[in-house]
Amino acid sequence: NGHPVNILKVQDISPFGIGLQLDRRLDNGCRISLSYQRGTTAIEVHGTVVWSSVTAAGSDNESAAFRVGIYLQEDQSALNVTLFNAITAG
């Protein structure tokens, strides 16, 4: 929704969706643009947050983090597969 969010960790990924740990909360229904860049590879996909939760703060001064599940747009399936292959390959 026009606000950048830092990705702390990719929890899981498929060509249909991605689970992320973020530094701030995103609401269900929020539309996202996800940019991935590594070397000469640059990919941008779009999706919608379908679930979100808060992880508890850790005991070693870790702050709370936010987890989201994002459903990737079906009409960009070729890009979704490219992102999946790029992340799982390396």
C-alpha atoms as a PDB file:
ATOM      1  CA  ASN A   1       0.000   0.000   0.000  1.00  0.00           C
ATOM      2  CA  GLY A   2       2.850   2.364  -0.796  1.00  0.00           C
ATOM      3  CA  HIS A   3       4.870   1.768   2.381  1.00  0.00           C
ATOM      4  CA  PRO A   4       8.196  -0.115   2.235  1.00  0.00           C
ATOM      5  CA  VAL A   5       8.630  -3.045   4.613  1.00  0.00           C
ATOM      6  CA  ASN A   6      11.870  -4.865   5.438  1.00  0.00           C
ATOM      7  CA  ILE A   7      11.864  -8.611   4.954  1.00  0.00           C
ATOM      8  CA  LEU A   8      13.675 -10.299   7.824  1.00  0.00           C
ATOM      9  CA  LYS A   9      13.318 -13.862   6.564  1.00  0.00           C
ATOM     10  CA  VAL A  10      11.643 -15.921   3.856  1.00  0.00           C
ATOM     11  CA  GLN A  11       9.763 -18.592   5.824  1.00  0.00           C
ATOM     12  CA  ASP A  12       8.543 -20.591   2.841  1.00  0.00           C
ATOM     13  CA  ILE A  13       7.805 -20.142  -0.844  1.00  0.00           C
ATOM     14  CA  SER A  14       5.936 -21.778  -3.694  1.00  0.00           C
ATOM     15  CA  PRO A  15       4.956 -20.523  -7.153  1.00  0.00           C
ATOM     16  CA  PHE A  16       1.570 -19.610  -5.623  1.00  0.00           C
ATOM     17  CA  GLY A  17       2.581 -17.804  -2.448  1.00  0.00           C
ATOM     18  CA  ILE A  18       5.262 -16.803   0.004  1.00  0.00           C
ATOM     19  CA  GLY A  19       5.520 -16.687   3.788  1.00  0.00           C
ATOM     20  CA  LEU A  20       7.642 -13.854   5.144  1.00  0.00           C
ATOM     21  CA  GLN A  21       8.870 -12.536   8.475  1.00  0.00           C
ATOM     22  CA  LEU A  22       8.726  -8.725   8.442  1.00  0.00           C
ATOM     23  CA  ASP A  23       9.746  -5.811  10.632  1.00  0.00           C
ATOM     24  CA  ARG A  24       6.198  -4.406  10.789  1.00  0.00           C
ATOM     25  CA  ARG A  25       2.599  -5.540  10.576  1.00  0.00           C
ATOM     26  CA  LEU A  26       0.627  -5.814   7.350  1.00  0.00           C
ATOM     27  CA  ASP A  27      -3.140  -6.242   7.397  1.00  0.00           C
ATOM     28  CA  ASN A  28      -5.028  -9.004   5.626  1.00  0.00           C
ATOM     29  CA  GLY A  29      -6.117  -7.829   2.188  1.00  0.00           C
ATOM     30  CA  CYS A  30      -3.130  -5.509   1.805  1.00  0.00           C
ATOM     31  CA  ARG A  31      -1.821  -5.501  -1.792  1.00  0.00           C
ATOM     32  CA  ILE A  32       1.951  -5.854  -2.072  1.00  0.00           C
ATOM     33  CA  SER A  33       4.743  -5.549  -4.616  1.00  0.00           C
ATOM     34  CA  LEU A  34       7.687  -7.776  -3.800  1.00  0.00           C
ATOM     35  CA  SER A  35      11.055  -6.973  -5.387  1.00  0.00           C
ATOM     36  CA  TYR A  36      13.898  -9.495  -5.489  1.00  0.00           C
ATOM     37  CA  GLN A  37      17.367  -8.651  -6.717  1.00  0.00           C
ATOM     38  CA  ARG A  38      20.519 -10.752  -6.719  1.00  0.00           C
ATOM     39  CA  GLY A  39      23.381 -10.086  -9.104  1.00  0.00           C
ATOM     40  CA  THR A  40      21.868  -9.408 -12.509  1.00  0.00           C
ATOM     41  CA  THR A  41      18.528 -11.023 -11.613  1.00  0.00           C
ATOM     42  CA  ALA A  42      15.709  -8.588 -10.844  1.00  0.00           C
ATOM     43  CA  ILE A  43      12.134  -9.813 -10.340  1.00  0.00           C
ATOM     44  CA  GLU A  44       8.999  -8.026  -9.162  1.00  0.00           C
ATOM     45  CA  VAL A  45       5.821  -9.913  -8.289  1.00  0.00           C
ATOM     46  CA  HIS A  46       2.504  -8.798  -6.837  1.00  0.00           C
ATOM     47  CA  GLY A  47       0.137 -10.370  -4.375  1.00  0.00           C
ATOM     48  CA  THR A  48      -2.244 -10.016  -1.473  1.00  0.00           C
ATOM     49  CA  VAL A  49      -1.721 -10.659   2.243  1.00  0.00           C
ATOM     50  CA  VAL A  50      -4.056 -13.532   3.180  1.00  0.00           C
ATOM     51  CA  TRP A  51      -2.954 -14.064   6.794  1.00  0.00           C
ATOM     52  CA  SER A  52      -0.760 -12.354   9.382  1.00  0.00           C
ATOM     53  CA  SER A  53       0.487 -13.035  12.902  1.00  0.00           C
ATOM     54  CA  VAL A  54       2.899 -11.654  15.479  1.00  0.00           C
ATOM     55  CA  THR A  55       5.864 -13.666  16.746  1.00  0.00           C
ATOM     56  CA  ALA A  56       6.829 -13.163  20.370  1.00  0.00           C
ATOM     57  CA  ALA A  57       9.971 -11.266  21.257  1.00  0.00           C
ATOM     58  CA  GLY A  58      12.969 -13.464  22.013  1.00  0.00           C
ATOM     59  CA  SER A  59      14.816 -13.629  25.312  1.00  0.00           C
ATOM     60  CA  ASP A  60      18.070 -12.141  23.894  1.00  0.00           C
ATOM     61  CA  ASN A  61      16.627  -8.653  23.318  1.00  0.00           C
ATOM     62  CA  GLU A  62      15.031  -9.709  20.043  1.00  0.00           C
ATOM     63  CA  SER A  63      12.083  -7.536  19.130  1.00  0.00           C
ATOM     64  CA  ALA A  64       8.775  -8.982  17.993  1.00  0.00           C
ATOM     65  CA  ALA A  65       8.463  -9.791  14.306  1.00  0.00           C
ATOM     66  CA  PHE A  66       5.461 -10.115  12.068  1.00  0.00           C
ATOM     67  CA  ARG A  67       4.680 -13.082   9.825  1.00  0.00           C
ATOM     68  CA  VAL A  68       2.525 -12.863   6.725  1.00  0.00           C
ATOM     69  CA  GLY A  69       1.277 -15.218   4.070  1.00  0.00           C
ATOM     70  CA  ILE A  70       1.033 -13.683   0.628  1.00  0.00           C
ATOM     71  CA  TYR A  71      -0.969 -15.145  -2.242  1.00  0.00           C
ATOM     72  CA  LEU A  72       0.822 -14.267  -5.492  1.00  0.00           C
ATOM     73  CA  GLN A  73      -1.192 -13.048  -8.487  1.00  0.00           C
ATOM     74  CA  GLU A  74      -2.144 -15.923 -10.768  1.00  0.00           C
ATOM     75  CA  ASP A  75      -1.881 -13.841 -13.936  1.00  0.00           C
ATOM     76  CA  GLN A  76       1.877 -13.474 -13.300  1.00  0.00           C
ATOM     77  CA  SER A  77       2.550 -17.184 -12.862  1.00  0.00           C
ATOM     78  CA  ALA A  78       5.680 -17.131 -15.062  1.00  0.00           C
ATOM     79  CA  LEU A  79       7.241 -14.438 -12.828  1.00  0.00           C
ATOM     80  CA  ASN A  80       6.121 -16.301  -9.704  1.00  0.00           C
ATOM     81  CA  VAL A  81       7.901 -19.452 -10.918  1.00  0.00           C
ATOM     82  CA  THR A  82      11.005 -17.396 -11.772  1.00  0.00           C
ATOM     83  CA  LEU A  83      11.027 -15.959  -8.228  1.00  0.00           C
ATOM     84  CA  PHE A  84      10.525 -19.421  -6.721  1.00  0.00           C
ATOM     85  CA  ASN A  85      13.417 -20.831  -8.774  1.00  0.00           C
ATOM     86  CA  ALA A  86      15.707 -17.882  -7.937  1.00  0.00           C
ATOM     87  CA  ILE A  87      15.120 -18.155  -4.182  1.00  0.00           C
ATOM     88  CA  THR A  88      15.272 -21.937  -3.936  1.00  0.00           C
ATOM     89  CA  ALA A  89      18.344 -22.239  -6.181  1.00  0.00           C
ATOM     90  CA  GLY A  90      20.693 -20.369  -3.998  1.00  0.00           C
END
